[in-house]
């Protein structure tokens, strides 16, 4: 039996949702769902909710769009916050060597936070000239157009920064200044370093590592905006966000998919061809966003 935690939101609410799901090779059941209110309601954004999450023992670090919070997994209460005036549309968050690595997507930067003293180091993907041209935005404003749209950051076993870039639809080893993948068929979302390999998802429903590519459409009954990945020994859990009329046209352009009115789901994909896939639809599925999936001990 495995247990996963899923982050997300509702399209018409500003709070985040954390779902705990019990999983076996043949079933998934929701153990509990927890509403997490934004700690600063004056800058909360409708529909963003909780994006990236990183499990840290009995706690989880979680990103709202413009603030990072630490949540106690026993009570699902916020016990710490990290703020910065440049936090905007935060996506992924990773813990490595007592530091948080954050994809600050709206600011087009990677932010590295020392958990011992909360000092922040920033890798600026725009640089001085573009930064001077770009208007100044508040934390609750949309900063598009994005040049890069950094979706994810992870660290490999050589302490190198690996970055997922939506606009380029590729992964980049920032430390070596080297592309790690060819241009994918749709934007990358989850980039993870797992057991010596880089794994990633595309929003169009592909999951890849250096050895194999899976298509979610081969396992899930209806396809949605794919994001959220957790890998275990014998399979993986993949999330999909609802496809609605308001986001269908863009999804169809980038994926060539005619999927409409698809609810949010979690799908288990087994590595063995002898096992069957399993999927579960989340509550309020037609109005639900899935963003990240993490394993719980």
C-alpha atoms as a PDB file:
ATOM      1  CA  UNK A   1       0.000   0.000   0.000  1.00  0.00           C
ATOM      2  CA  UNK A   2       1.278   3.458  -0.935  1.00  0.00           C
ATOM      3  CA  UNK A   3       0.059   6.880   0.076  1.00  0.00           C
ATOM      4  CA  UNK A   4       0.316  10.004  -2.046  1.00  0.00           C
ATOM      5  CA  UNK A   5      -0.482  13.655  -1.462  1.00  0.00           C
ATOM      6  CA  UNK A   6      -1.930  15.717  -4.296  1.00  0.00           C
ATOM      7  CA  UNK A   7      -1.997  19.517  -4.496  1.00  0.00           C
ATOM      8  CA  UNK A   8      -4.429  21.615  -6.447  1.00  0.00           C
ATOM      9  CA  UNK A   9      -7.343  24.004  -6.422  1.00  0.00           C
ATOM     10  CA  UNK A  10     -10.788  24.794  -7.714  1.00  0.00           C
ATOM     11  CA  UNK A  11     -11.028  27.131 -10.681  1.00  0.00           C
ATOM     12  CA  UNK A  12     -13.391  29.493  -8.866  1.00  0.00           C
ATOM     13  CA  UNK A  13     -11.774  29.564  -5.381  1.00  0.00           C
ATOM     14  CA  UNK A  14      -8.593  31.092  -3.981  1.00  0.00           C
ATOM     15  CA  UNK A  15      -7.810  28.392  -1.419  1.00  0.00           C
ATOM     16  CA  UNK A  16      -5.593  25.391  -2.027  1.00  0.00           C
ATOM     17  CA  UNK A  17      -6.484  21.724  -1.635  1.00  0.00           C
ATOM     18  CA  UNK A  18      -4.292  18.897  -0.386  1.00  0.00           C
ATOM     19  CA  UNK A  19      -5.654  15.393  -0.943  1.00  0.00           C
ATOM     20  CA  UNK A  20      -4.285  12.258   0.733  1.00  0.00           C
ATOM     21  CA  UNK A  21      -4.920   9.146  -1.348  1.00  0.00           C
ATOM     22  CA  UNK A  22      -4.351   5.512  -0.397  1.00  0.00           C
ATOM     23  CA  UNK A  23      -3.093   3.471  -3.308  1.00  0.00           C
ATOM     24  CA  UNK A  24      -2.606  -0.178  -4.121  1.00  0.00           C
ATOM     25  CA  UNK A  25      -1.856  -1.908  -7.419  1.00  0.00           C
ATOM     26  CA  UNK A  26      -5.570  -2.276  -8.110  1.00  0.00           C
ATOM     27  CA  UNK A  27      -7.340   0.637  -6.387  1.00  0.00           C
ATOM     28  CA  UNK A  28      -7.128   4.220  -5.146  1.00  0.00           C
ATOM     29  CA  UNK A  29      -9.262   5.716  -2.404  1.00  0.00           C
ATOM     30  CA  UNK A  30      -9.309   9.237  -1.030  1.00  0.00           C
ATOM     31  CA  UNK A  31      -8.388   9.171   2.643  1.00  0.00           C
ATOM     32  CA  UNK A  32      -8.895  12.884   3.277  1.00  0.00           C
ATOM     33  CA  UNK A  33      -9.055  16.300   1.631  1.00  0.00           C
ATOM     34  CA  UNK A  34      -7.914  19.510   3.280  1.00  0.00           C
ATOM     35  CA  UNK A  35      -8.680  23.099   2.367  1.00  0.00           C
ATOM     36  CA  UNK A  36      -5.699  25.386   2.984  1.00  0.00           C
ATOM     37  CA  UNK A  37      -6.528  29.079   2.980  1.00  0.00           C
ATOM     38  CA  UNK A  38      -4.037  31.566   1.556  1.00  0.00           C
ATOM     39  CA  UNK A  39      -2.272  33.214   4.540  1.00  0.00           C
ATOM     40  CA  UNK A  40      -2.550  36.671   2.935  1.00  0.00           C
ATOM     41  CA  UNK A  41      -6.076  36.976   1.489  1.00  0.00           C
ATOM     42  CA  UNK A  42      -5.381  40.415   0.021  1.00  0.00           C
ATOM     43  CA  UNK A  43      -3.054  38.882  -2.610  1.00  0.00           C
ATOM     44  CA  UNK A  44      -4.784  35.514  -3.031  1.00  0.00           C
ATOM     45  CA  UNK A  45      -5.678  34.710  -6.639  1.00  0.00           C
ATOM     46  CA  UNK A  46      -8.814  32.895  -7.742  1.00  0.00           C
ATOM     47  CA  UNK A  47      -8.038  29.532  -9.312  1.00  0.00           C
ATOM     48  CA  UNK A  48      -4.363  29.286  -8.374  1.00  0.00           C
ATOM     49  CA  UNK A  49      -4.566  27.369  -5.094  1.00  0.00           C
ATOM     50  CA  UNK A  50      -1.549  25.269  -4.139  1.00  0.00           C
ATOM     51  CA  UNK A  51       0.929  24.416  -6.880  1.00  0.00           C
ATOM     52  CA  UNK A  52       4.281  22.824  -6.062  1.00  0.00           C
ATOM     53  CA  UNK A  53       4.739  20.711  -2.927  1.00  0.00           C
ATOM     54  CA  UNK A  54       7.743  19.028  -1.309  1.00  0.00           C
ATOM     55  CA  UNK A  55       7.403  16.611   1.589  1.00  0.00           C
ATOM     56  CA  UNK A  56       9.739  17.330   4.508  1.00  0.00           C
ATOM     57  CA  UNK A  57       9.263  14.642   7.155  1.00  0.00           C
ATOM     58  CA  UNK A  58       6.007  15.315   8.987  1.00  0.00           C
ATOM     59  CA  UNK A  59       5.504  18.550   7.039  1.00  0.00           C
ATOM     60  CA  UNK A  60       5.088  19.648   3.466  1.00  0.00           C
ATOM     61  CA  UNK A  61       6.378  22.835   1.880  1.00  0.00           C
ATOM     62  CA  UNK A  62       3.754  24.211  -0.487  1.00  0.00           C
ATOM     63  CA  UNK A  63       3.564  27.053  -2.970  1.00  0.00           C
ATOM     64  CA  UNK A  64       0.635  29.341  -3.320  1.00  0.00           C
ATOM     65  CA  UNK A  65       1.042  31.654  -6.300  1.00  0.00           C
ATOM     66  CA  UNK A  66       2.923  34.263  -4.288  1.00  0.00           C
ATOM     67  CA  UNK A  67       3.915  32.799  -0.912  1.00  0.00           C
ATOM     68  CA  UNK A  68       5.562  29.606   0.339  1.00  0.00           C
ATOM     69  CA  UNK A  69       4.068  27.875   3.370  1.00  0.00           C
ATOM     70  CA  UNK A  70       5.076  24.982   5.587  1.00  0.00           C
ATOM     71  CA  UNK A  71       2.159  22.753   6.543  1.00  0.00           C
ATOM     72  CA  UNK A  72       1.952  20.290   9.418  1.00  0.00           C
ATOM     73  CA  UNK A  73       0.710  16.990   7.996  1.00  0.00           C
ATOM     74  CA  UNK A  74      -0.935  15.941  11.257  1.00  0.00           C
ATOM     75  CA  UNK A  75      -3.217  18.952  11.549  1.00  0.00           C
ATOM     76  CA  UNK A  76      -2.873  20.406   8.035  1.00  0.00           C
ATOM     77  CA  UNK A  77      -2.169  23.819   9.494  1.00  0.00           C
ATOM     78  CA  UNK A  78       0.352  26.404   8.326  1.00  0.00           C
ATOM     79  CA  UNK A  79       3.301  26.622  10.719  1.00  0.00           C
ATOM     80  CA  UNK A  80       5.681  28.816   8.701  1.00  0.00           C
ATOM     81  CA  UNK A  81       5.666  31.193   5.737  1.00  0.00           C
ATOM     82  CA  UNK A  82       8.310  32.533   3.367  1.00  0.00           C
ATOM     83  CA  UNK A  83       7.525  35.763   1.519  1.00  0.00           C
ATOM     84  CA  UNK A  84       9.236  37.896  -1.105  1.00  0.00           C
ATOM     85  CA  UNK A  85       7.869  40.807  -3.129  1.00  0.00           C
ATOM     86  CA  UNK A  86       9.008  39.099  -6.356  1.00  0.00           C
ATOM     87  CA  UNK A  87       7.163  35.821  -5.759  1.00  0.00           C
ATOM     88  CA  UNK A  88       4.702  35.547  -8.644  1.00  0.00           C
ATOM     89  CA  UNK A  89       3.041  32.417 -10.057  1.00  0.00           C
ATOM     90  CA  UNK A  90       5.266  30.000  -8.162  1.00  0.00           C
ATOM     91  CA  UNK A  91       5.261  26.521  -9.687  1.00  0.00           C
ATOM     92  CA  UNK A  92       7.500  23.697  -8.502  1.00  0.00           C
ATOM     93  CA  UNK A  93       9.394  23.399  -5.227  1.00  0.00           C
ATOM     94  CA  UNK A  94      12.162  20.937  -4.368  1.00  0.00           C
ATOM     95  CA  UNK A  95      14.139  20.301  -1.172  1.00  0.00           C
ATOM     96  CA  UNK A  96      17.844  19.569  -1.478  1.00  0.00           C
ATOM     97  CA  UNK A  97      20.598  19.905   1.117  1.00  0.00           C
ATOM     98  CA  UNK A  98      18.468  22.070   3.432  1.00  0.00           C
ATOM     99  CA  UNK A  99      17.568  24.455   0.619  1.00  0.00           C
ATOM    100  CA  UNK A 100      14.319  25.037  -1.247  1.00  0.00           C
ATOM    101  CA  UNK A 101      14.580  25.332  -5.019  1.00  0.00           C
ATOM    102  CA  UNK A 102      11.572  27.147  -6.457  1.00  0.00           C
ATOM    103  CA  UNK A 103      10.415  27.778 -10.012  1.00  0.00           C
ATOM    104  CA  UNK A 104       9.294  31.419  -9.752  1.00  0.00           C
ATOM    105  CA  UNK A 105       7.492  31.287 -13.058  1.00  0.00           C
ATOM    106  CA  UNK A 106       5.891  34.720 -13.173  1.00  0.00           C
ATOM    107  CA  UNK A 107       9.186  36.367 -12.250  1.00  0.00           C
ATOM    108  CA  UNK A 108      11.120  34.193 -14.730  1.00  0.00           C
ATOM    109  CA  UNK A 109      13.638  33.145 -12.105  1.00  0.00           C
ATOM    110  CA  UNK A 110      14.787  30.204 -10.013  1.00  0.00           C
ATOM    111  CA  UNK A 111      14.807  31.102  -6.331  1.00  0.00           C
ATOM    112  CA  UNK A 112      16.988  29.168  -3.880  1.00  0.00           C
ATOM    113  CA  UNK A 113      16.151  29.585  -0.192  1.00  0.00           C
ATOM    114  CA  UNK A 114      18.466  28.559   2.628  1.00  0.00           C
ATOM    115  CA  UNK A 115      16.192  27.001   5.229  1.00  0.00           C
ATOM    116  CA  UNK A 116      18.621  27.693   8.033  1.00  0.00           C
ATOM    117  CA  UNK A 117      18.590  31.487   7.666  1.00  0.00           C
ATOM    118  CA  UNK A 118      15.861  32.048   4.996  1.00  0.00           C
ATOM    119  CA  UNK A 119      18.313  33.914   2.766  1.00  0.00           C
ATOM    120  CA  UNK A 120      17.329  33.885  -0.911  1.00  0.00           C
ATOM    121  CA  UNK A 121      19.539  33.522  -3.978  1.00  0.00           C
ATOM    122  CA  UNK A 122      17.952  34.285  -7.352  1.00  0.00           C
ATOM    123  CA  UNK A 123      18.870  33.042 -10.831  1.00  0.00           C
ATOM    124  CA  UNK A 124      17.419  35.709 -13.126  1.00  0.00           C
ATOM    125  CA  UNK A 125      16.418  34.329 -16.539  1.00  0.00           C
ATOM    126  CA  UNK A 126      15.726  37.793 -17.978  1.00  0.00           C
ATOM    127  CA  UNK A 127      18.803  39.812 -17.053  1.00  0.00           C
ATOM    128  CA  UNK A 128      19.140  43.542 -16.624  1.00  0.00           C
ATOM    129  CA  UNK A 129      18.068  44.787 -20.047  1.00  0.00           C
ATOM    130  CA  UNK A 130      14.872  42.751 -20.285  1.00  0.00           C
ATOM    131  CA  UNK A 131      14.133  43.345 -16.614  1.00  0.00           C
ATOM    132  CA  UNK A 132      14.292  47.107 -17.231  1.00  0.00           C
ATOM    133  CA  UNK A 133      11.915  46.855 -20.201  1.00  0.00           C
ATOM    134  CA  UNK A 134       9.376  44.618 -18.493  1.00  0.00           C
ATOM    135  CA  UNK A 135       6.710  46.541 -16.506  1.00  0.00           C
ATOM    136  CA  UNK A 136       6.667  46.289 -12.736  1.00  0.00           C
ATOM    137  CA  UNK A 137       3.966  43.893 -11.575  1.00  0.00           C
ATOM    138  CA  UNK A 138       2.385  43.341  -8.200  1.00  0.00           C
ATOM    139  CA  UNK A 139       2.292  39.802  -6.813  1.00  0.00           C
ATOM    140  CA  UNK A 140      -1.322  39.232  -7.815  1.00  0.00           C
ATOM    141  CA  UNK A 141      -0.900  40.354 -11.444  1.00  0.00           C
ATOM    142  CA  UNK A 142      -0.376  38.208 -14.533  1.00  0.00           C
ATOM    143  CA  UNK A 143       3.158  38.832 -15.841  1.00  0.00           C
ATOM    144  CA  UNK A 144       2.693  37.368 -19.325  1.00  0.00           C
ATOM    145  CA  UNK A 145       4.095  37.323 -21.929  1.00  0.00           C
ATOM    146  CA  UNK A 146       6.776  34.997 -20.607  1.00  0.00           C
ATOM    147  CA  UNK A 147      10.025  34.468 -22.467  1.00  0.00           C
ATOM    148  CA  UNK A 148      10.786  31.135 -20.775  1.00  0.00           C
ATOM    149  CA  UNK A 149       7.925  30.165 -18.399  1.00  0.00           C
ATOM    150  CA  UNK A 150      10.008  28.020 -16.046  1.00  0.00           C
ATOM    151  CA  UNK A 151       7.756  25.138 -15.010  1.00  0.00           C
ATOM    152  CA  UNK A 152      10.031  23.046 -12.831  1.00  0.00           C
ATOM    153  CA  UNK A 153      13.455  22.820 -11.240  1.00  0.00           C
ATOM    154  CA  UNK A 154      15.198  19.787  -9.786  1.00  0.00           C
ATOM    155  CA  UNK A 155      18.695  18.734  -8.691  1.00  0.00           C
ATOM    156  CA  UNK A 156      20.561  15.688  -9.985  1.00  0.00           C
ATOM    157  CA  UNK A 157      23.085  13.564  -8.098  1.00  0.00           C
ATOM    158  CA  UNK A 158      25.921  15.853  -9.182  1.00  0.00           C
ATOM    159  CA  UNK A 159      24.201  18.877  -7.603  1.00  0.00           C
ATOM    160  CA  UNK A 160      23.378  20.297 -11.035  1.00  0.00           C
ATOM    161  CA  UNK A 161      20.313  22.449 -11.666  1.00  0.00           C
ATOM    162  CA  UNK A 162      17.869  20.866 -14.119  1.00  0.00           C
ATOM    163  CA  UNK A 163      15.127  23.136 -15.431  1.00  0.00           C
ATOM    164  CA  UNK A 164      11.930  22.574 -17.401  1.00  0.00           C
ATOM    165  CA  UNK A 165      11.071  25.378 -19.841  1.00  0.00           C
ATOM    166  CA  UNK A 166       7.557  25.634 -21.235  1.00  0.00           C
ATOM    167  CA  UNK A 167       8.200  28.017 -24.130  1.00  0.00           C
ATOM    168  CA  UNK A 168      11.143  25.983 -25.416  1.00  0.00           C
ATOM    169  CA  UNK A 169       9.389  22.682 -24.566  1.00  0.00           C
ATOM    170  CA  UNK A 170      12.736  21.267 -23.421  1.00  0.00           C
ATOM    171  CA  UNK A 171      14.758  20.434 -20.316  1.00  0.00           C
ATOM    172  CA  UNK A 172      17.986  22.301 -19.623  1.00  0.00           C
ATOM    173  CA  UNK A 173      20.967  21.399 -17.480  1.00  0.00           C
ATOM    174  CA  UNK A 174      21.590  24.938 -16.285  1.00  0.00           C
ATOM    175  CA  UNK A 175      24.823  24.067 -14.489  1.00  0.00           C
ATOM    176  CA  UNK A 176      26.378  22.643 -17.678  1.00  0.00           C
ATOM    177  CA  UNK A 177      24.455  24.944 -20.061  1.00  0.00           C
ATOM    178  CA  UNK A 178      23.279  21.902 -21.996  1.00  0.00           C
ATOM    179  CA  UNK A 179      19.950  20.766 -23.420  1.00  0.00           C
ATOM    180  CA  UNK A 180      18.850  17.417 -22.012  1.00  0.00           C
ATOM    181  CA  UNK A 181      16.023  16.729 -24.438  1.00  0.00           C
ATOM    182  CA  UNK A 182      14.819  17.508 -27.904  1.00  0.00           C
ATOM    183  CA  UNK A 183      11.795  19.749 -28.295  1.00  0.00           C
ATOM    184  CA  UNK A 184       8.776  17.867 -26.981  1.00  0.00           C
ATOM    185  CA  UNK A 185       5.351  17.651 -28.581  1.00  0.00           C
ATOM    186  CA  UNK A 186       3.824  19.935 -25.926  1.00  0.00           C
ATOM    187  CA  UNK A 187       5.076  22.006 -22.953  1.00  0.00           C
ATOM    188  CA  UNK A 188       6.928  20.245 -20.136  1.00  0.00           C
ATOM    189  CA  UNK A 189       5.527  20.442 -16.653  1.00  0.00           C
ATOM    190  CA  UNK A 190       7.021  18.059 -14.078  1.00  0.00           C
ATOM    191  CA  UNK A 191      10.784  17.530 -14.219  1.00  0.00           C
ATOM    192  CA  UNK A 192      12.085  15.178 -11.529  1.00  0.00           C
ATOM    193  CA  UNK A 193      15.391  13.460 -10.795  1.00  0.00           C
ATOM    194  CA  UNK A 194      14.473   9.929  -9.697  1.00  0.00           C
ATOM    195  CA  UNK A 195      16.818   6.967  -9.246  1.00  0.00           C
ATOM    196  CA  UNK A 196      19.557   8.403 -11.450  1.00  0.00           C
ATOM    197  CA  UNK A 197      17.319   9.553 -14.297  1.00  0.00           C
ATOM    198  CA  UNK A 198      15.454  12.667 -15.310  1.00  0.00           C
ATOM    199  CA  UNK A 199      11.715  12.106 -15.596  1.00  0.00           C
ATOM    200  CA  UNK A 200       9.256  14.600 -17.027  1.00  0.00           C
ATOM    201  CA  UNK A 201       5.650  15.001 -18.074  1.00  0.00           C
ATOM    202  CA  UNK A 202       4.207  17.035 -20.901  1.00  0.00           C
ATOM    203  CA  UNK A 203       0.833  18.718 -20.571  1.00  0.00           C
ATOM    204  CA  UNK A 204      -0.276  16.748 -23.617  1.00  0.00           C
ATOM    205  CA  UNK A 205      -0.001  13.467 -21.734  1.00  0.00           C
ATOM    206  CA  UNK A 206       3.481  12.008 -22.230  1.00  0.00           C
ATOM    207  CA  UNK A 207       5.682  10.746 -19.407  1.00  0.00           C
ATOM    208  CA  UNK A 208       9.340  10.088 -20.194  1.00  0.00           C
ATOM    209  CA  UNK A 209      12.689   9.138 -18.767  1.00  0.00           C
ATOM    210  CA  UNK A 210      15.953   8.394 -20.526  1.00  0.00           C
ATOM    211  CA  UNK A 211      14.782   4.896 -21.448  1.00  0.00           C
ATOM    212  CA  UNK A 212      11.064   4.943 -22.180  1.00  0.00           C
ATOM    213  CA  UNK A 213       8.052   7.117 -22.994  1.00  0.00           C
ATOM    214  CA  UNK A 214       4.488   6.400 -21.918  1.00  0.00           C
ATOM    215  CA  UNK A 215       1.331   7.995 -23.338  1.00  0.00           C
ATOM    216  CA  UNK A 216      -1.322   8.657 -20.730  1.00  0.00           C
ATOM    217  CA  UNK A 217      -4.022   8.218 -23.369  1.00  0.00           C
ATOM    218  CA  UNK A 218      -3.101   4.507 -23.513  1.00  0.00           C
ATOM    219  CA  UNK A 219      -4.088   4.108 -19.844  1.00  0.00           C
ATOM    220  CA  UNK A 220      -6.668   6.760 -18.932  1.00  0.00           C
ATOM    221  CA  UNK A 221     -10.193   6.827 -20.306  1.00  0.00           C
ATOM    222  CA  UNK A 222     -10.233  10.564 -21.076  1.00  0.00           C
ATOM    223  CA  UNK A 223      -7.232  12.862 -21.352  1.00  0.00           C
ATOM    224  CA  UNK A 224      -6.787  16.144 -19.488  1.00  0.00           C
ATOM    225  CA  UNK A 225      -4.126  18.764 -18.875  1.00  0.00           C
ATOM    226  CA  UNK A 226      -1.356  16.484 -17.576  1.00  0.00           C
ATOM    227  CA  UNK A 227       0.715  17.511 -14.556  1.00  0.00           C
ATOM    228  CA  UNK A 228       1.751  15.845 -11.331  1.00  0.00           C
ATOM    229  CA  UNK A 229       4.070  12.824 -11.185  1.00  0.00           C
ATOM    230  CA  UNK A 230       5.170  10.388  -8.485  1.00  0.00           C
ATOM    231  CA  UNK A 231       7.209   7.278  -9.344  1.00  0.00           C
ATOM    232  CA  UNK A 232       7.427   4.088  -7.287  1.00  0.00           C
ATOM    233  CA  UNK A 233       9.175   0.759  -7.930  1.00  0.00           C
ATOM    234  CA  UNK A 234       6.386  -0.854  -9.926  1.00  0.00           C
ATOM    235  CA  UNK A 235       4.591   2.101 -11.492  1.00  0.00           C
ATOM    236  CA  UNK A 236       3.774   5.798 -11.363  1.00  0.00           C
ATOM    237  CA  UNK A 237       0.964   8.161 -10.462  1.00  0.00           C
ATOM    238  CA  UNK A 238       0.066  10.903 -12.934  1.00  0.00           C
ATOM    239  CA  UNK A 239      -2.418  13.748 -12.516  1.00  0.00           C
ATOM    240  CA  UNK A 240      -4.681  15.572 -14.933  1.00  0.00           C
ATOM    241  CA  UNK A 241      -6.459  18.888 -14.527  1.00  0.00           C
ATOM    242  CA  UNK A 242      -9.986  19.403 -15.843  1.00  0.00           C
ATOM    243  CA  UNK A 243     -10.439  20.534 -19.429  1.00  0.00           C
ATOM    244  CA  UNK A 244     -13.241  23.064 -19.651  1.00  0.00           C
ATOM    245  CA  UNK A 245     -14.632  25.274 -22.361  1.00  0.00           C
ATOM    246  CA  UNK A 246     -12.460  28.165 -21.180  1.00  0.00           C
ATOM    247  CA  UNK A 247      -9.162  26.308 -21.585  1.00  0.00           C
ATOM    248  CA  UNK A 248     -10.073  23.794 -24.273  1.00  0.00           C
ATOM    249  CA  UNK A 249      -9.037  25.889 -27.273  1.00  0.00           C
ATOM    250  CA  UNK A 250      -5.507  26.448 -25.969  1.00  0.00           C
ATOM    251  CA  UNK A 251      -5.200  22.787 -24.981  1.00  0.00           C
ATOM    252  CA  UNK A 252      -6.312  21.695 -28.432  1.00  0.00           C
ATOM    253  CA  UNK A 253      -3.737  23.963 -30.101  1.00  0.00           C
ATOM    254  CA  UNK A 254      -0.771  22.639 -28.123  1.00  0.00           C
ATOM    255  CA  UNK A 255      -1.803  18.976 -28.074  1.00  0.00           C
ATOM    256  CA  UNK A 256      -3.960  18.461 -31.179  1.00  0.00           C
ATOM    257  CA  UNK A 257      -6.495  16.908 -28.825  1.00  0.00           C
ATOM    258  CA  UNK A 258     -10.246  17.303 -29.149  1.00  0.00           C
ATOM    259  CA  UNK A 259     -10.817  16.425 -25.485  1.00  0.00           C
ATOM    260  CA  UNK A 260     -13.625  18.452 -23.896  1.00  0.00           C
ATOM    261  CA  UNK A 261     -15.253  18.526 -20.461  1.00  0.00           C
ATOM    262  CA  UNK A 262     -12.727  16.184 -18.874  1.00  0.00           C
ATOM    263  CA  UNK A 263     -12.663  16.049 -15.082  1.00  0.00           C
ATOM    264  CA  UNK A 264      -9.566  16.055 -12.864  1.00  0.00           C
ATOM    265  CA  UNK A 265      -8.115  12.588 -12.252  1.00  0.00           C
ATOM    266  CA  UNK A 266      -5.221  10.620 -10.832  1.00  0.00           C
ATOM    267  CA  UNK A 267      -4.045   7.639 -12.884  1.00  0.00           C
ATOM    268  CA  UNK A 268      -1.787   4.785 -11.830  1.00  0.00           C
ATOM    269  CA  UNK A 269       0.337   3.436 -14.693  1.00  0.00           C
ATOM    270  CA  UNK A 270       2.033   0.069 -13.980  1.00  0.00           C
ATOM    271  CA  UNK A 271       5.440  -0.725 -15.440  1.00  0.00           C
ATOM    272  CA  UNK A 272       4.449  -4.343 -16.017  1.00  0.00           C
ATOM    273  CA  UNK A 273       2.237  -5.095 -19.006  1.00  0.00           C
ATOM    274  CA  UNK A 274       0.607  -7.819 -16.916  1.00  0.00           C
ATOM    275  CA  UNK A 275      -0.913  -5.282 -14.505  1.00  0.00           C
ATOM    276  CA  UNK A 276      -3.836  -2.974 -15.160  1.00  0.00           C
ATOM    277  CA  UNK A 277      -3.917   0.786 -14.835  1.00  0.00           C
ATOM    278  CA  UNK A 278      -6.191   2.416 -12.263  1.00  0.00           C
ATOM    279  CA  UNK A 279      -7.777   5.856 -12.288  1.00  0.00           C
ATOM    280  CA  UNK A 280      -9.757   7.902  -9.800  1.00  0.00           C
ATOM    281  CA  UNK A 281     -11.775  11.046 -10.418  1.00  0.00           C
ATOM    282  CA  UNK A 282     -11.391  13.723  -7.754  1.00  0.00           C
ATOM    283  CA  UNK A 283     -14.344  15.482  -6.068  1.00  0.00           C
ATOM    284  CA  UNK A 284     -15.680  18.463  -8.043  1.00  0.00           C
ATOM    285  CA  UNK A 285     -13.695  17.003 -10.914  1.00  0.00           C
ATOM    286  CA  UNK A 286     -15.113  19.288 -13.599  1.00  0.00           C
ATOM    287  CA  UNK A 287     -13.900  22.349 -11.659  1.00  0.00           C
ATOM    288  CA  UNK A 288     -10.693  20.905 -10.254  1.00  0.00           C
ATOM    289  CA  UNK A 289      -7.009  21.557 -10.834  1.00  0.00           C
ATOM    290  CA  UNK A 290      -4.282  19.027 -10.106  1.00  0.00           C
ATOM    291  CA  UNK A 291      -0.765  20.406  -9.872  1.00  0.00           C
ATOM    292  CA  UNK A 292       1.668  18.155  -7.991  1.00  0.00           C
ATOM    293  CA  UNK A 293       1.861  14.626  -6.604  1.00  0.00           C
ATOM    294  CA  UNK A 294       4.292  13.504  -3.903  1.00  0.00           C
ATOM    295  CA  UNK A 295       4.776  10.203  -2.104  1.00  0.00           C
ATOM    296  CA  UNK A 296       4.079  10.054   1.620  1.00  0.00           C
ATOM    297  CA  UNK A 297       5.954   7.665   3.887  1.00  0.00           C
END
